[in-house]
C-alpha atoms as a PDB file:
ATOM      1  CA  MET A   1      -0.135   0.555  -0.195  1.00  0.00           C
ATOM      2  CA  PRO A   2       1.613   2.773  -1.059  1.00  0.00           C
ATOM      3  CA  VAL A   3       1.862   5.517   2.271  1.00  0.00           C
ATOM      4  CA  GLY A   4       0.154   8.141   2.685  1.00  0.00           C
ATOM      5  CA  ARG A   5      -1.971   6.780   1.507  1.00  0.00           C
ATOM      6  CA  ARG A   6      -5.370   6.256   3.049  1.00  0.00           C
ATOM      7  CA  ASN A   7      -8.944   4.318   3.442  1.00  0.00           C
ATOM      8  CA  ARG A   8     -11.263   6.591   2.469  1.00  0.00           C
ATOM      9  CA  VAL A   9     -15.236   5.232   4.003  1.00  0.00           C
ATOM     10  CA  ARG A  10     -17.686   5.517   1.292  1.00  0.00           C
ATOM     11  CA  PRO A  11     -20.540   7.126   2.441  1.00  0.00           C
ATOM     12  CA  PHE A  12     -23.855   5.175   1.985  1.00  0.00           C
ATOM     13  CA  VAL A  13     -26.018   6.006  -0.304  1.00  0.00           C
ATOM     14  CA  PRO A  14     -29.799   4.403  -0.431  1.00  0.00           C
ATOM     15  CA  GLU A  15     -30.833   2.845  -2.909  1.00  0.00           C
ATOM     16  CA  PRO A  16     -33.847   4.250  -5.447  1.00  0.00           C
ATOM     17  CA  GLU A  17     -37.092   2.868  -3.737  1.00  0.00           C
ATOM     18  CA  SER A  18     -38.311   0.320  -5.852  1.00  0.00           C
ATOM     19  CA  ARG A  19     -41.983   1.241  -8.024  1.00  0.00           C
ATOM     20  CA  SER A  20     -43.455  -1.360  -6.437  1.00  0.00           C
ATOM     21  CA  ASP A  21     -42.970   0.615  -3.039  1.00  0.00           C
ATOM     22  CA  SER A  22     -43.896   3.928  -4.401  1.00  0.00           C
ATOM     23  CA  TYR A  23     -47.590   3.057  -3.902  1.00  0.00           C
ATOM     24  CA  PRO A  24     -49.281   6.211  -2.218  1.00  0.00           C
ATOM     25  CA  LYS A  25     -51.794   4.699  -0.215  1.00  0.00           C
ATOM     26  CA  LYS A  26     -51.990   0.643   1.071  1.00  0.00           C
ATOM     27  CA  SER A  27     -55.682   1.351   0.480  1.00  0.00           C
ATOM     28  CA  MET A  28     -54.729   1.428  -3.646  1.00  0.00           C
ATOM     29  CA  PHE A  29     -55.050  -2.145  -3.863  1.00  0.00           C
ATOM     30  CA  PHE A  30     -58.747  -2.418  -2.233  1.00  0.00           C
ATOM     31  CA  VAL A  31     -60.150   0.480  -4.445  1.00  0.00           C
ATOM     32  CA  LYS A  32     -58.551  -1.057  -7.234  1.00  0.00           C
ATOM     33  CA  TYR A  33     -60.399  -4.515  -6.473  1.00  0.00           C
ATOM     34  CA  ILE A  34     -63.964  -3.630  -5.098  1.00  0.00           C
ATOM     35  CA  LEU A  35     -64.221  -1.262  -8.531  1.00  0.00           C
ATOM     36  CA  PHE A  36     -63.084  -4.355 -10.201  1.00  0.00           C
ATOM     37  CA  PHE A  37     -65.094  -6.473  -9.192  1.00  0.00           C
ATOM     38  CA  MET A  38     -68.441  -3.542  -8.577  1.00  0.00           C
ATOM     39  CA  ASN A  39     -68.092  -2.606 -13.034  1.00  0.00           C
ATOM     40  CA  VAL A  40     -67.627  -6.824 -13.541  1.00  0.00           C
ATOM     41  CA  LEU A  41     -70.715  -7.496 -11.667  1.00  0.00           C
ATOM     42  CA  PHE A  42     -72.716  -4.774 -13.905  1.00  0.00           C
ATOM     43  CA  TRP A  43     -70.811  -5.732 -16.846  1.00  0.00           C
ATOM     44  CA  PHE A  44     -72.301  -9.885 -16.423  1.00  0.00           C
ATOM     45  CA  SER A  45     -75.307  -7.522 -16.203  1.00  0.00           C
ATOM     46  CA  SER A  46     -74.860  -6.101 -19.076  1.00  0.00           C
ATOM     47  CA  CYS A  47     -74.432  -8.603 -21.359  1.00  0.00           C
ATOM     48  CA  VAL A  48     -77.650 -10.217 -20.010  1.00  0.00           C
ATOM     49  CA  LEU A  49     -79.362  -7.778 -21.328  1.00  0.00           C
ATOM     50  CA  LEU A  50     -77.357  -7.602 -24.393  1.00  0.00           C
ATOM     51  CA  ALA A  51     -79.248 -10.881 -24.861  1.00  0.00           C
ATOM     52  CA  ILE A  52     -82.006 -10.974 -23.985  1.00  0.00           C
ATOM     53  CA  GLY A  53     -82.545  -8.116 -26.764  1.00  0.00           C
ATOM     54  CA  ILE A  54     -80.211  -9.206 -29.210  1.00  0.00           C
ATOM     55  CA  TYR A  55     -82.613 -12.660 -29.338  1.00  0.00           C
ATOM     56  CA  ALA A  56     -85.702 -10.912 -29.510  1.00  0.00           C
ATOM     57  CA  ILE A  57     -84.341  -8.944 -33.064  1.00  0.00           C
ATOM     58  CA  ILE A  58     -83.022 -11.738 -34.655  1.00  0.00           C
ATOM     59  CA  ASN A  59     -87.161 -14.200 -33.676  1.00  0.00           C
ATOM     60  CA  LYS A  60     -89.067 -11.657 -35.075  1.00  0.00           C
ATOM     61  CA  GLN A  61     -86.916  -9.581 -37.876  1.00  0.00           C
ATOM     62  CA  ASN A  62     -89.841 -10.421 -40.167  1.00  0.00           C
ATOM     63  CA  LEU A  63     -91.308  -7.861 -37.742  1.00  0.00           C
ATOM     64  CA  TYR A  64     -89.124  -4.935 -38.568  1.00  0.00           C
ATOM     65  CA  GLY A  65     -90.740  -3.754 -42.175  1.00  0.00           C
ATOM     66  CA  LYS A  66     -94.119  -3.142 -40.534  1.00  0.00           C
ATOM     67  CA  ILE A  67     -92.385  -0.884 -37.215  1.00  0.00           C
ATOM     68  CA  SER A  68     -92.461   2.386 -38.474  1.00  0.00           C
ATOM     69  CA  ASN A  69     -91.128   3.405 -34.795  1.00  0.00           C
ATOM     70  CA  LEU A  70     -88.711   1.723 -33.054  1.00  0.00           C
ATOM     71  CA  THR A  71     -88.772   3.480 -29.645  1.00  0.00           C
ATOM     72  CA  THR A  72     -91.457   1.418 -27.826  1.00  0.00           C
ATOM     73  CA  ASP A  73     -89.890  -1.782 -28.744  1.00  0.00           C
ATOM     74  CA  PRO A  74     -88.607  -3.432 -25.641  1.00  0.00           C
ATOM     75  CA  ALA A  75     -85.983  -5.768 -27.692  1.00  0.00           C
ATOM     76  CA  VAL A  76     -84.940  -2.296 -28.680  1.00  0.00           C
ATOM     77  CA  LEU A  77     -84.612  -0.933 -25.480  1.00  0.00           C
ATOM     78  CA  LEU A  78     -82.411  -3.470 -24.261  1.00  0.00           C
ATOM     79  CA  VAL A  79     -79.813  -3.231 -26.749  1.00  0.00           C
ATOM     80  CA  VAL A  80     -79.650   0.010 -26.418  1.00  0.00           C
ATOM     81  CA  ALA A  81     -79.901   0.340 -22.917  1.00  0.00           C
ATOM     82  CA  GLY A  82     -76.815  -2.519 -22.128  1.00  0.00           C
ATOM     83  CA  GLY A  83     -75.062  -1.577 -24.656  1.00  0.00           C
ATOM     84  CA  VAL A  84     -75.044   1.870 -23.191  1.00  0.00           C
ATOM     85  CA  MET A  85     -73.878  -0.433 -19.692  1.00  0.00           C
ATOM     86  CA  PHE A  86     -71.663  -2.487 -21.687  1.00  0.00           C
ATOM     87  CA  PHE A  87     -69.660   0.118 -23.175  1.00  0.00           C
ATOM     88  CA  ILE A  88     -69.150   2.246 -19.836  1.00  0.00           C
ATOM     89  CA  THR A  89     -68.383  -1.519 -17.475  1.00  0.00           C
ATOM     90  CA  CYS A  90     -66.219  -2.066 -20.337  1.00  0.00           C
ATOM     91  CA  GLY A  91     -63.840   0.771 -19.620  1.00  0.00           C
ATOM     92  CA  GLY A  92     -64.074   0.689 -15.356  1.00  0.00           C
ATOM     93  CA  CYS A  93     -63.413  -3.096 -15.796  1.00  0.00           C
ATOM     94  CA  LEU A  94     -59.841  -2.329 -17.632  1.00  0.00           C
ATOM     95  CA  GLY A  95     -59.179   1.105 -16.291  1.00  0.00           C
ATOM     96  CA  ALA A  96     -59.246  -0.482 -12.326  1.00  0.00           C
ATOM     97  CA  LEU A  97     -57.835  -3.670 -13.476  1.00  0.00           C
ATOM     98  CA  ARG A  98     -54.608  -2.398 -15.632  1.00  0.00           C
ATOM     99  CA  GLU A  99     -53.756   1.026 -13.710  1.00  0.00           C
ATOM    100  CA  ASN A 100     -54.844   2.711 -16.715  1.00  0.00           C
ATOM    101  CA  ILE A 101     -55.811   6.738 -16.086  1.00  0.00           C
ATOM    102  CA  CYS A 102     -57.575   7.185 -19.760  1.00  0.00           C
ATOM    103  CA  LEU A 103     -59.600   4.469 -18.857  1.00  0.00           C
ATOM    104  CA  LEU A 104     -60.747   5.451 -15.411  1.00  0.00           C
ATOM    105  CA  LYS A 105     -61.112   9.127 -16.245  1.00  0.00           C
ATOM    106  CA  PHE A 106     -63.208   8.615 -19.027  1.00  0.00           C
ATOM    107  CA  TYR A 107     -65.379   6.008 -16.580  1.00  0.00           C
ATOM    108  CA  ALA A 108     -65.188   9.222 -14.181  1.00  0.00           C
ATOM    109  CA  ALA A 109     -66.411  11.311 -16.949  1.00  0.00           C
ATOM    110  CA  MET A 110     -69.199   8.938 -18.055  1.00  0.00           C
ATOM    111  CA  LEU A 111     -70.477   8.250 -14.989  1.00  0.00           C
ATOM    112  CA  GLY A 112     -70.424  12.044 -13.642  1.00  0.00           C
ATOM    113  CA  LEU A 113     -72.517  12.107 -17.973  1.00  0.00           C
ATOM    114  CA  MET A 114     -75.369   9.378 -16.658  1.00  0.00           C
ATOM    115  CA  LEU A 115     -75.895  11.188 -13.200  1.00  0.00           C
ATOM    116  CA  LEU A 116     -76.046  14.460 -14.488  1.00  0.00           C
ATOM    117  CA  ILE A 117     -78.203  13.485 -17.013  1.00  0.00           C
ATOM    118  CA  GLU A 118     -80.741  11.719 -14.136  1.00  0.00           C
ATOM    119  CA  ILE A 119     -80.993  14.405 -12.434  1.00  0.00           C
ATOM    120  CA  THR A 120     -81.815  17.107 -14.662  1.00  0.00           C
ATOM    121  CA  VAL A 121     -84.586  14.229 -16.035  1.00  0.00           C
ATOM    122  CA  ALA A 122     -85.967  14.147 -12.645  1.00  0.00           C
ATOM    123  CA  VAL A 123     -86.203  17.610 -11.809  1.00  0.00           C
ATOM    124  CA  LEU A 124     -87.986  18.302 -15.235  1.00  0.00           C
ATOM    125  CA  GLY A 125     -90.139  15.111 -14.355  1.00  0.00           C
ATOM    126  CA  TYR A 126     -91.309  16.691 -11.390  1.00  0.00           C
ATOM    127  CA  VAL A 127     -91.720  20.516 -12.465  1.00  0.00           C
ATOM    128  CA  TYR A 128     -93.546  19.523 -15.984  1.00  0.00           C
ATOM    129  CA  GLN A 129     -95.774  16.330 -14.602  1.00  0.00           C
ATOM    130  CA  ALA A 130     -98.698  17.538 -17.057  1.00  0.00           C
ATOM    131  CA  GLU A 131     -95.979  17.303 -19.874  1.00  0.00           C
ATOM    132  CA  VAL A 132     -94.744  13.984 -18.572  1.00  0.00           C
ATOM    133  CA  LYS A 133     -98.100  12.097 -17.949  1.00  0.00           C
ATOM    134  CA  SER A 134     -99.460  13.416 -21.863  1.00  0.00           C
ATOM    135  CA  GLN A 135     -96.152  11.105 -23.176  1.00  0.00           C
ATOM    136  CA  VAL A 136     -96.659   8.529 -21.111  1.00  0.00           C
ATOM    137  CA  ASP A 137    -100.346   9.068 -22.011  1.00  0.00           C
ATOM    138  CA  ASP A 138     -99.757   9.138 -26.095  1.00  0.00           C
ATOM    139  CA  ALA A 139     -96.344   6.818 -25.674  1.00  0.00           C
ATOM    140  CA  PHE A 140     -98.765   4.048 -24.043  1.00  0.00           C
ATOM    141  CA  ARG A 141    -101.879   4.132 -26.689  1.00  0.00           C
ATOM    142  CA  PHE A 142     -99.101   3.969 -29.460  1.00  0.00           C
ATOM    143  CA  MET A 143     -98.733   0.994 -28.203  1.00  0.00           C
ATOM    144  CA  ILE A 144    -101.802  -0.519 -27.750  1.00  0.00           C
ATOM    145  CA  LEU A 145    -102.045   0.419 -31.603  1.00  0.00           C
ATOM    146  CA  ARG A 146     -99.013  -1.655 -32.641  1.00  0.00           C
ATOM    147  CA  TYR A 147    -100.760  -4.637 -29.659  1.00  0.00           C
ATOM    148  CA  ARG A 148    -101.011  -7.344 -32.364  1.00  0.00           C
ATOM    149  CA  ASP A 149     -97.682  -6.447 -34.420  1.00  0.00           C
ATOM    150  CA  ASP A 150     -95.223  -6.642 -31.720  1.00  0.00           C
ATOM    151  CA  PRO A 151     -95.324 -10.333 -29.305  1.00  0.00           C
ATOM    152  CA  ASP A 152     -92.670  -8.421 -26.715  1.00  0.00           C
ATOM    153  CA  LEU A 153     -94.427  -5.656 -26.543  1.00  0.00           C
ATOM    154  CA  GLN A 154     -98.186  -7.768 -26.824  1.00  0.00           C
ATOM    155  CA  MET A 155     -96.393  -9.483 -23.711  1.00  0.00           C
ATOM    156  CA  LEU A 156     -95.447  -6.449 -21.875  1.00  0.00           C
ATOM    157  CA  ILE A 157     -98.448  -4.224 -22.329  1.00  0.00           C
ATOM    158  CA  ASP A 158    -100.328  -7.443 -20.800  1.00  0.00           C
ATOM    159  CA  SER A 159     -97.589  -7.821 -18.091  1.00  0.00           C
ATOM    160  CA  VAL A 160     -98.907  -4.248 -16.988  1.00  0.00           C
ATOM    161  CA  GLN A 161    -102.232  -4.149 -17.260  1.00  0.00           C
ATOM    162  CA  LYS A 162    -102.070  -7.988 -14.928  1.00  0.00           C
ATOM    163  CA  GLU A 163     -99.792  -6.205 -12.630  1.00  0.00           C
ATOM    164  CA  LEU A 164    -101.578  -2.974 -12.558  1.00  0.00           C
ATOM    165  CA  LYS A 165    -105.412  -4.398 -12.627  1.00  0.00           C
ATOM    166  CA  CYS A 166    -105.867  -1.385 -15.356  1.00  0.00           C
ATOM    167  CA  CYS A 167    -106.856  -1.147 -18.754  1.00  0.00           C
ATOM    168  CA  GLY A 168    -105.925   1.107 -21.683  1.00  0.00           C
ATOM    169  CA  SER A 169    -104.060   4.112 -20.731  1.00  0.00           C
ATOM    170  CA  LYS A 170    -106.773   6.034 -19.288  1.00  0.00           C
ATOM    171  CA  ASN A 171    -110.108   3.397 -19.467  1.00  0.00           C
ATOM    172  CA  TYR A 172    -110.521  -0.031 -20.906  1.00  0.00           C
ATOM    173  CA  LYS A 173    -111.803   2.226 -24.281  1.00  0.00           C
ATOM    174  CA  ASP A 174    -108.838   3.760 -25.615  1.00  0.00           C
ATOM    175  CA  TRP A 175    -108.682  -0.603 -27.218  1.00  0.00           C
ATOM    176  CA  ASN A 176    -111.683   0.782 -29.123  1.00  0.00           C
ATOM    177  CA  ASP A 177    -108.162   2.963 -31.523  1.00  0.00           C
ATOM    178  CA  ASN A 178    -106.715  -0.952 -32.176  1.00  0.00           C
ATOM    179  CA  ILE A 179    -108.271  -2.332 -35.516  1.00  0.00           C
ATOM    180  CA  TYR A 180    -108.857  -5.678 -34.426  1.00  0.00           C
ATOM    181  CA  PHE A 181    -110.773  -4.594 -30.985  1.00  0.00           C
ATOM    182  CA  ASN A 182    -112.430  -1.369 -32.435  1.00  0.00           C
ATOM    183  CA  CYS A 183    -116.564  -2.106 -32.768  1.00  0.00           C
ATOM    184  CA  SER A 184    -116.300  -1.455 -36.999  1.00  0.00           C
ATOM    185  CA  SER A 185    -113.766  -4.086 -37.464  1.00  0.00           C
ATOM    186  CA  PRO A 186    -114.328  -7.798 -38.614  1.00  0.00           C
ATOM    187  CA  SER A 187    -112.267  -9.166 -36.709  1.00  0.00           C
ATOM    188  CA  VAL A 188    -114.330 -11.513 -33.767  1.00  0.00           C
ATOM    189  CA  GLU A 189    -112.691  -9.919 -30.960  1.00  0.00           C
ATOM    190  CA  LYS A 190    -114.761  -6.822 -32.535  1.00  0.00           C
ATOM    191  CA  CYS A 191    -115.195  -3.633 -29.630  1.00  0.00           C
ATOM    192  CA  GLY A 192    -113.350  -6.462 -27.399  1.00  0.00           C
ATOM    193  CA  VAL A 193    -109.981  -5.856 -25.099  1.00  0.00           C
ATOM    194  CA  PRO A 194    -108.047  -8.128 -24.505  1.00  0.00           C
ATOM    195  CA  PHE A 195    -108.062 -10.606 -21.922  1.00  0.00           C
ATOM    196  CA  SER A 196    -105.020  -8.963 -19.247  1.00  0.00           C
ATOM    197  CA  CYS A 197    -107.799  -6.793 -18.786  1.00  0.00           C
ATOM    198  CA  CYS A 198    -109.995  -9.495 -17.315  1.00  0.00           C
ATOM    199  CA  ILE A 199    -110.520  -9.733 -13.577  1.00  0.00           C
ATOM    200  CA  SER A 200    -110.374 -13.481 -13.643  1.00  0.00           C
ATOM    201  CA  ASP A 201    -107.175 -15.078 -12.924  1.00  0.00           C
ATOM    202  CA  GLN A 202    -108.401 -18.087 -15.409  1.00  0.00           C
ATOM    203  CA  ILE A 203    -106.777 -17.153 -18.745  1.00  0.00           C
ATOM    204  CA  ASN A 204    -110.232 -16.634 -21.182  1.00  0.00           C
ATOM    205  CA  ILE A 205    -109.114 -15.029 -24.214  1.00  0.00           C
ATOM    206  CA  GLN A 206    -113.005 -14.498 -24.683  1.00  0.00           C
ATOM    207  CA  CYS A 207    -113.918 -12.873 -21.536  1.00  0.00           C
ATOM    208  CA  GLY A 208    -113.157  -9.539 -22.792  1.00  0.00           C
ATOM    209  CA  PHE A 209    -115.349 -10.033 -25.028  1.00  0.00           C
ATOM    210  CA  ASN A 210    -117.852  -7.114 -26.276  1.00  0.00           C
ATOM    211  CA  MET A 211    -116.917  -5.312 -23.310  1.00  0.00           C
ATOM    212  CA  GLN A 212    -116.983  -1.616 -24.945  1.00  0.00           C
ATOM    213  CA  ALA A 213    -120.067  -2.149 -26.070  1.00  0.00           C
ATOM    214  CA  ALA A 214    -121.270  -3.243 -21.781  1.00  0.00           C
ATOM    215  CA  THR A 215    -122.179  -0.365 -19.733  1.00  0.00           C
ATOM    216  CA  LEU A 216    -119.683   1.118 -17.290  1.00  0.00           C
ATOM    217  CA  ALA A 217    -121.351  -1.259 -14.777  1.00  0.00           C
ATOM    218  CA  GLU A 218    -121.981  -3.935 -16.502  1.00  0.00           C
ATOM    219  CA  ALA A 219    -117.712  -3.787 -17.968  1.00  0.00           C
ATOM    220  CA  ALA A 220    -116.713  -3.285 -14.285  1.00  0.00           C
ATOM    221  CA  GLU A 221    -118.015  -6.948 -13.355  1.00  0.00           C
ATOM    222  CA  LYS A 222    -115.690  -8.733 -15.672  1.00  0.00           C
ATOM    223  CA  ILE A 223    -112.820  -6.370 -16.514  1.00  0.00           C
ATOM    224  CA  TYR A 224    -110.649  -3.668 -15.165  1.00  0.00           C
ATOM    225  CA  THR A 225    -112.383  -0.403 -15.819  1.00  0.00           C
ATOM    226  CA  ARG A 226    -109.366   1.906 -14.908  1.00  0.00           C
ATOM    227  CA  GLY A 227    -106.492   3.075 -16.542  1.00  0.00           C
ATOM    228  CA  CYS A 228    -103.510   1.999 -16.243  1.00  0.00           C
ATOM    229  CA  LEU A 229    -102.076   5.821 -16.066  1.00  0.00           C
ATOM    230  CA  LYS A 230    -104.353   5.839 -12.861  1.00  0.00           C
ATOM    231  CA  GLY A 231    -103.370   2.733 -11.770  1.00  0.00           C
ATOM    232  CA  ALA A 232     -99.250   3.618 -12.045  1.00  0.00           C
ATOM    233  CA  GLU A 233    -100.261   7.012 -10.162  1.00  0.00           C
ATOM    234  CA  ASP A 234    -102.108   4.212  -7.331  1.00  0.00           C
ATOM    235  CA  TRP A 235     -99.170   1.994  -7.665  1.00  0.00           C
ATOM    236  CA  LEU A 236     -96.555   4.442  -6.659  1.00  0.00           C
ATOM    237  CA  LYS A 237     -98.553   5.816  -3.755  1.00  0.00           C
ATOM    238  CA  SER A 238     -98.575   2.349  -2.134  1.00  0.00           C
ATOM    239  CA  ASN A 239     -95.109   1.449  -2.831  1.00  0.00           C
ATOM    240  CA  LEU A 240     -93.702   4.804  -2.514  1.00  0.00           C
ATOM    241  CA  ILE A 241     -90.472   3.855   0.057  1.00  0.00           C
ATOM    242  CA  THR A 242     -89.765   0.725  -2.298  1.00  0.00           C
ATOM    243  CA  MET A 243     -89.446   3.102  -5.094  1.00  0.00           C
ATOM    244  CA  ALA A 244     -87.479   5.658  -3.488  1.00  0.00           C
ATOM    245  CA  ALA A 245     -85.455   3.267  -2.053  1.00  0.00           C
ATOM    246  CA  VAL A 246     -84.680   1.949  -6.462  1.00  0.00           C
ATOM    247  CA  ALA A 247     -84.112   5.394  -7.056  1.00  0.00           C
ATOM    248  CA  THR A 248     -81.959   6.395  -4.455  1.00  0.00           C
ATOM    249  CA  SER A 249     -79.744   3.211  -5.301  1.00  0.00           C
ATOM    250  CA  LEU A 250     -78.735   3.690  -8.487  1.00  0.00           C
ATOM    251  CA  PRO A 251     -77.837   7.780  -7.995  1.00  0.00           C
ATOM    252  CA  VAL A 252     -75.202   6.079  -4.913  1.00  0.00           C
ATOM    253  CA  ILE A 253     -73.718   3.672  -6.682  1.00  0.00           C
ATOM    254  CA  GLN A 254     -72.159   5.935  -8.968  1.00  0.00           C
ATOM    255  CA  VAL A 255     -71.435   8.376  -6.748  1.00  0.00           C
ATOM    256  CA  ILE A 256     -69.248   5.508  -5.200  1.00  0.00           C
ATOM    257  CA  GLY A 257     -67.747   4.533  -8.522  1.00  0.00           C
ATOM    258  CA  PHE A 258     -67.202   8.009  -9.528  1.00  0.00           C
ATOM    259  CA  TYR A 259     -65.541   8.401  -6.272  1.00  0.00           C
ATOM    260  CA  LEU A 260     -63.449   4.964  -6.582  1.00  0.00           C
ATOM    261  CA  SER A 261     -62.171   5.519 -10.071  1.00  0.00           C
ATOM    262  CA  ARG A 262     -61.126   9.292  -9.229  1.00  0.00           C
ATOM    263  CA  ARG A 263     -59.201   8.671  -6.123  1.00  0.00           C
ATOM    264  CA  LEU A 264     -57.519   5.479  -7.830  1.00  0.00           C
ATOM    265  CA  ALA A 265     -56.840   7.905 -10.557  1.00  0.00           C
ATOM    266  CA  GLY A 266     -55.257  10.461  -8.518  1.00  0.00           C
ATOM    267  CA  ASP A 267     -53.385   7.400  -6.205  1.00  0.00           C
ATOM    268  CA  ILE A 268     -51.818   6.270  -9.789  1.00  0.00           C
ATOM    269  CA  GLN A 269     -50.085   9.919 -11.649  1.00  0.00           C
ATOM    270  CA  GLU A 270     -48.723  10.252  -7.852  1.00  0.00           C
ATOM    271  CA  ILE A 271     -47.092   6.827  -8.002  1.00  0.00           C
ATOM    272  CA  VAL A 272     -45.354   8.034 -11.611  1.00  0.00           C
ATOM    273  CA  LYS A 273     -44.707  10.716  -9.855  1.00  0.00           C
ATOM    274  CA  ASN A 274     -43.049   9.692  -7.325  1.00  0.00           C
ATOM    275  CA  TYR A 275     -40.621   7.347  -9.271  1.00  0.00           C
ATOM    276  CA  ARG A 276     -40.126   9.949 -12.103  1.00  0.00           C
ATOM    277  CA  ASN A 277     -38.538  12.113  -9.646  1.00  0.00           C
END
């Protein structure tokens, strides 16, 4: 060893913090997988809606040449709702699983937009109740016109009338607008109403025959005479707590998803910032 040369003690320099140790919060793991599994559940539900809607459309594709308005077609509505839900939840699933900031921000933005639309619709519906009731009446009357043309629509109307114990939109004589139940129709069902208007639980397709020609007292003995608009109002009043819980649950879920996605995106951005520094 040369004279005058001393051993120098090198100062300890800590190793750079690895990326795996730079997670800003230990709860990030739970936030990530809660968001992921929540979206998987809704993604699966959207697939079911899409499958049912597409199956119904394929089975009645020969009818679409006769249908002038698809906005009241249950199959089309299922496909649209399922498609939108699939698109959004898929972004949430991939964004959480891959920790992709762009997808997480897209998911949060879509949830925020949907929540804003829902609040706007609720406020407008409350302010313009008369106009909403008029639009619902017009839509139901339009569905009455297509009752025999669309099997899905027929099943929907029959289910509504049986469940709400009602007949027609405002009253049972609304069925006179349908060409098969019109009193001047050559059909055997002329001046009648569908079997779903009948009070009896036994399925009898002839129980509604000639009910439009009968007096109100005579008709009330065999069929429901109140309209489905009034039936829906009475049902909502009697199930107000349940409907309020259902109406509140969806925005709450959306707010939770919005919060989790924003938090996860913020944590990932903090990780990237610490890693680069």
